[in-house]
Protein backbone atom coordinates (compact mmCIF):
# COMPACT_ATOMS: atom_id res chain seq x y z
CA MET A 1 -164.39 -6.47 47.15
CA ALA A 2 -164.67 -9.73 49.05
CA ARG A 3 -166.77 -12.38 47.30
CA SER A 4 -169.11 -10.00 45.55
CA VAL A 5 -172.01 -11.05 43.37
CA LEU A 6 -173.75 -8.72 40.93
CA THR A 7 -177.52 -9.17 40.82
CA ILE A 8 -179.60 -7.73 37.99
CA VAL A 9 -183.17 -7.51 39.27
CA ASP A 10 -186.07 -7.66 36.82
CA VAL A 11 -184.69 -5.52 33.97
CA GLN A 12 -187.49 -6.76 31.72
CA GLU A 13 -189.15 -5.48 28.58
CA ARG A 14 -192.56 -4.44 29.90
CA LEU A 15 -191.24 -3.19 33.24
CA PHE A 16 -188.52 -1.13 31.58
CA ASN A 17 -191.01 0.67 29.35
CA ALA A 18 -193.07 1.67 32.39
CA MET A 19 -190.12 3.24 34.20
CA ASP A 20 -189.34 6.94 34.59
CA ALA A 21 -188.41 7.91 31.03
CA GLU A 22 -185.80 10.40 32.23
CA ARG A 23 -183.85 7.69 34.11
CA ARG A 24 -184.40 4.39 32.40
CA ASP A 25 -181.88 4.74 29.57
CA ASP A 26 -179.09 5.80 31.94
CA MET A 27 -180.10 3.01 34.32
CA VAL A 28 -179.80 0.32 31.66
CA ALA A 29 -176.52 1.79 30.38
CA ASN A 30 -175.12 1.49 33.92
CA VAL A 31 -176.42 -2.06 34.32
CA LYS A 32 -174.58 -2.93 31.11
CA ILE A 33 -171.35 -1.33 32.41
CA LEU A 34 -171.64 -3.30 35.65
CA ALA A 35 -172.37 -6.56 33.81
CA THR A 36 -169.38 -5.99 31.51
CA ALA A 37 -167.11 -5.20 34.46
CA ALA A 38 -168.34 -8.21 36.42
CA ARG A 39 -167.64 -10.50 33.49
CA ARG A 40 -164.18 -9.07 32.90
CA LEU A 41 -163.29 -9.35 36.59
CA GLN A 42 -164.89 -12.79 37.06
CA VAL A 43 -167.51 -11.54 39.50
CA PRO A 44 -170.52 -13.88 39.42
CA VAL A 45 -173.74 -12.44 37.98
CA LEU A 46 -177.29 -13.44 38.91
CA VAL A 47 -180.37 -12.33 36.98
CA THR A 48 -184.00 -12.38 38.06
CA GLU A 49 -187.23 -12.01 36.13
CA GLN A 50 -190.53 -11.11 37.81
CA TYR A 51 -193.40 -13.08 36.25
CA PRO A 52 -191.81 -13.22 32.77
CA LYS A 53 -194.98 -14.57 31.15
CA GLY A 54 -196.66 -11.24 31.87
CA LEU A 55 -193.73 -8.81 32.05
CA GLY A 56 -191.47 -10.17 29.35
CA ARG A 57 -187.89 -11.35 29.51
CA THR A 58 -184.67 -9.52 30.35
CA LEU A 59 -183.97 -6.68 27.92
CA PRO A 60 -182.07 -8.07 24.93
CA GLU A 61 -179.19 -5.61 25.28
CA VAL A 62 -178.64 -6.80 28.86
CA LYS A 63 -179.29 -10.46 28.09
CA THR A 64 -176.53 -10.54 25.46
CA LEU A 65 -174.02 -9.61 28.18
CA VAL A 66 -175.17 -12.43 30.47
CA ALA A 67 -176.43 -14.93 27.90
CA ASP A 68 -175.05 -17.90 29.83
CA VAL A 69 -176.85 -16.92 33.06
CA ALA A 70 -180.21 -18.61 33.53
CA PRO A 71 -182.59 -16.13 35.16
CA PHE A 72 -184.33 -16.94 38.40
CA GLU A 73 -188.02 -16.64 37.58
CA LYS A 74 -190.07 -15.34 40.46
CA THR A 75 -193.44 -14.10 41.56
CA ALA A 76 -192.21 -13.03 45.02
CA PHE A 77 -191.01 -9.45 45.14
CA SER A 78 -187.81 -10.26 47.02
CA CYS A 79 -185.23 -12.20 45.04
CA ALA A 80 -184.42 -14.02 48.28
CA ASP A 81 -187.79 -15.77 47.95
CA ALA A 82 -187.11 -16.96 44.39
CA GLU A 83 -186.51 -20.69 44.31
CA GLY A 84 -182.78 -21.42 44.39
CA PHE A 85 -181.60 -17.80 44.65
CA VAL A 86 -180.27 -17.89 48.22
CA ASP A 87 -178.84 -21.37 47.62
CA ARG A 88 -176.89 -19.96 44.66
CA LEU A 89 -175.53 -17.12 46.80
CA ARG A 90 -174.42 -19.68 49.38
CA ALA A 91 -172.80 -21.86 46.71
CA LEU A 92 -170.89 -18.79 45.48
CA GLU A 93 -169.87 -18.05 49.09
CA ALA A 94 -171.18 -14.53 48.58
CA GLU A 95 -170.40 -11.98 51.25
CA HIS A 96 -171.49 -8.90 49.33
CA VAL A 97 -174.37 -8.48 46.88
CA ILE A 98 -174.43 -5.60 44.42
CA LEU A 99 -178.03 -4.84 43.46
CA THR A 100 -179.19 -3.19 40.23
CA GLY A 101 -182.53 -3.17 38.47
CA ILE A 102 -186.23 -2.47 38.74
CA GLU A 103 -188.01 -1.20 40.87
CA ALA A 104 -185.89 0.51 43.50
CA HIS A 105 -188.68 0.73 46.07
CA VAL A 106 -190.11 -2.77 45.54
CA CYS A 107 -188.05 -5.74 44.31
CA VAL A 108 -184.64 -4.12 44.77
CA LEU A 109 -185.51 -2.80 48.24
CA LEU A 110 -187.18 -5.98 49.48
CA THR A 111 -184.25 -8.04 48.23
CA ALA A 112 -181.82 -5.72 50.01
CA LEU A 113 -183.76 -6.00 53.27
CA ASP A 114 -183.90 -9.80 53.09
CA LEU A 115 -180.20 -10.15 52.24
CA LEU A 116 -179.20 -7.79 55.06
CA LYS A 117 -181.24 -9.93 57.49
CA ARG A 118 -179.22 -12.93 56.28
CA GLY A 119 -176.00 -11.16 57.22
CA LEU A 120 -174.81 -10.23 53.74
CA ARG A 121 -173.35 -6.85 52.85
CA VAL A 122 -175.53 -5.13 50.29
CA SER A 123 -174.77 -2.28 47.91
CA VAL A 124 -177.58 -0.69 45.93
CA VAL A 125 -176.21 1.06 42.85
CA ALA A 126 -178.28 4.25 42.78
CA ASP A 127 -177.64 5.10 39.14
CA ALA A 128 -178.37 1.50 38.07
CA VAL A 129 -181.83 1.20 39.64
CA CYS A 130 -185.10 2.74 38.56
CA SER A 131 -188.72 3.18 39.60
CA ARG A 132 -191.78 4.42 37.80
CA ARG A 133 -191.64 7.67 39.77
CA ALA A 134 -188.63 9.61 41.01
CA ALA A 135 -190.14 9.94 44.50
CA ASN A 136 -190.42 6.16 44.82
CA LEU A 137 -186.82 5.75 43.72
CA GLU A 138 -185.66 8.09 46.49
CA ILE A 139 -187.87 6.38 49.07
CA GLY A 140 -186.45 2.99 48.11
CA LEU A 141 -182.86 4.21 48.33
CA ASP A 142 -183.49 5.95 51.66
CA GLN A 143 -185.12 2.90 53.18
CA ALA A 144 -182.30 0.62 51.98
CA ARG A 145 -179.72 3.02 53.45
CA GLN A 146 -181.57 3.18 56.78
CA ALA A 147 -181.58 -0.63 56.92
CA GLY A 148 -177.81 -0.77 56.44
CA ALA A 149 -177.27 -1.07 52.69
CA THR A 150 -174.57 1.02 51.04
CA ILE A 151 -175.93 3.35 48.39
CA THR A 152 -173.31 3.77 45.71
CA ALA A 153 -172.67 4.59 42.05
CA THR A 154 -171.71 2.51 39.03
CA GLU A 155 -168.30 4.12 38.72
CA THR A 156 -167.56 3.56 42.40
CA VAL A 157 -168.44 -0.13 42.15
CA VAL A 158 -166.29 -0.63 39.05
CA PHE A 159 -163.28 1.01 40.70
CA GLN A 160 -163.83 -0.95 43.92
CA LEU A 161 -163.91 -4.19 41.97
CA LEU A 162 -160.78 -3.18 40.05
CA GLY A 163 -158.89 -2.13 43.17
CA ARG A 164 -156.00 -0.55 41.24
CA ALA A 165 -155.15 1.25 38.01
CA ASP A 166 -152.12 -0.70 36.84
CA SER A 167 -153.87 -3.51 35.01
CA ASP A 168 -155.22 -4.41 31.60
CA ALA A 169 -158.67 -4.70 33.19
CA PHE A 170 -158.46 -1.07 34.33
CA ARG A 171 -157.45 0.10 30.87
CA GLU A 172 -160.35 -1.82 29.31
CA LEU A 173 -163.05 -0.94 31.83
CA SER A 174 -162.13 2.71 32.36
CA LYS A 175 -163.14 3.32 28.72
CA LEU A 176 -166.70 2.37 29.63
CA LEU A 177 -166.84 5.11 32.25
CA ARG A 178 -165.93 8.03 30.01
């Protein structure tokens, strides 16, 4: 995928615990798969934290995978309004942003809408986003789709990034998807 950047939106301690209990563990497992794949395939990763003083920091199990990535702290709901975020995308020459995180109908959606307006391709990874309520998750995904974002799955993204099966990367990463 051309100049993709993985963005992990607000997967923070206090937010995570407030999410739909039936989805949140699968969501974070998929975020971890995507972060691992991005690292292996040298896809840049950005991390955001919404008001970390009140909502805590990135979940430790995610943070260990992206320990060298300084999170963009924000109070705006859209990551595009976080200081330095869009500049970093420009510096990376991003053409495509893969969005994961919390909440699908707020920060993930508003980020998707802003990035689409800036002419970037956006994929929202449906099984790697979460909301407090299932209905809000679906609303967020539907609205992102209507605006032009691609709604996709973790496995699809990993295979798109890999591109082919005849590599060491495929052999390593395919184990994560079993």
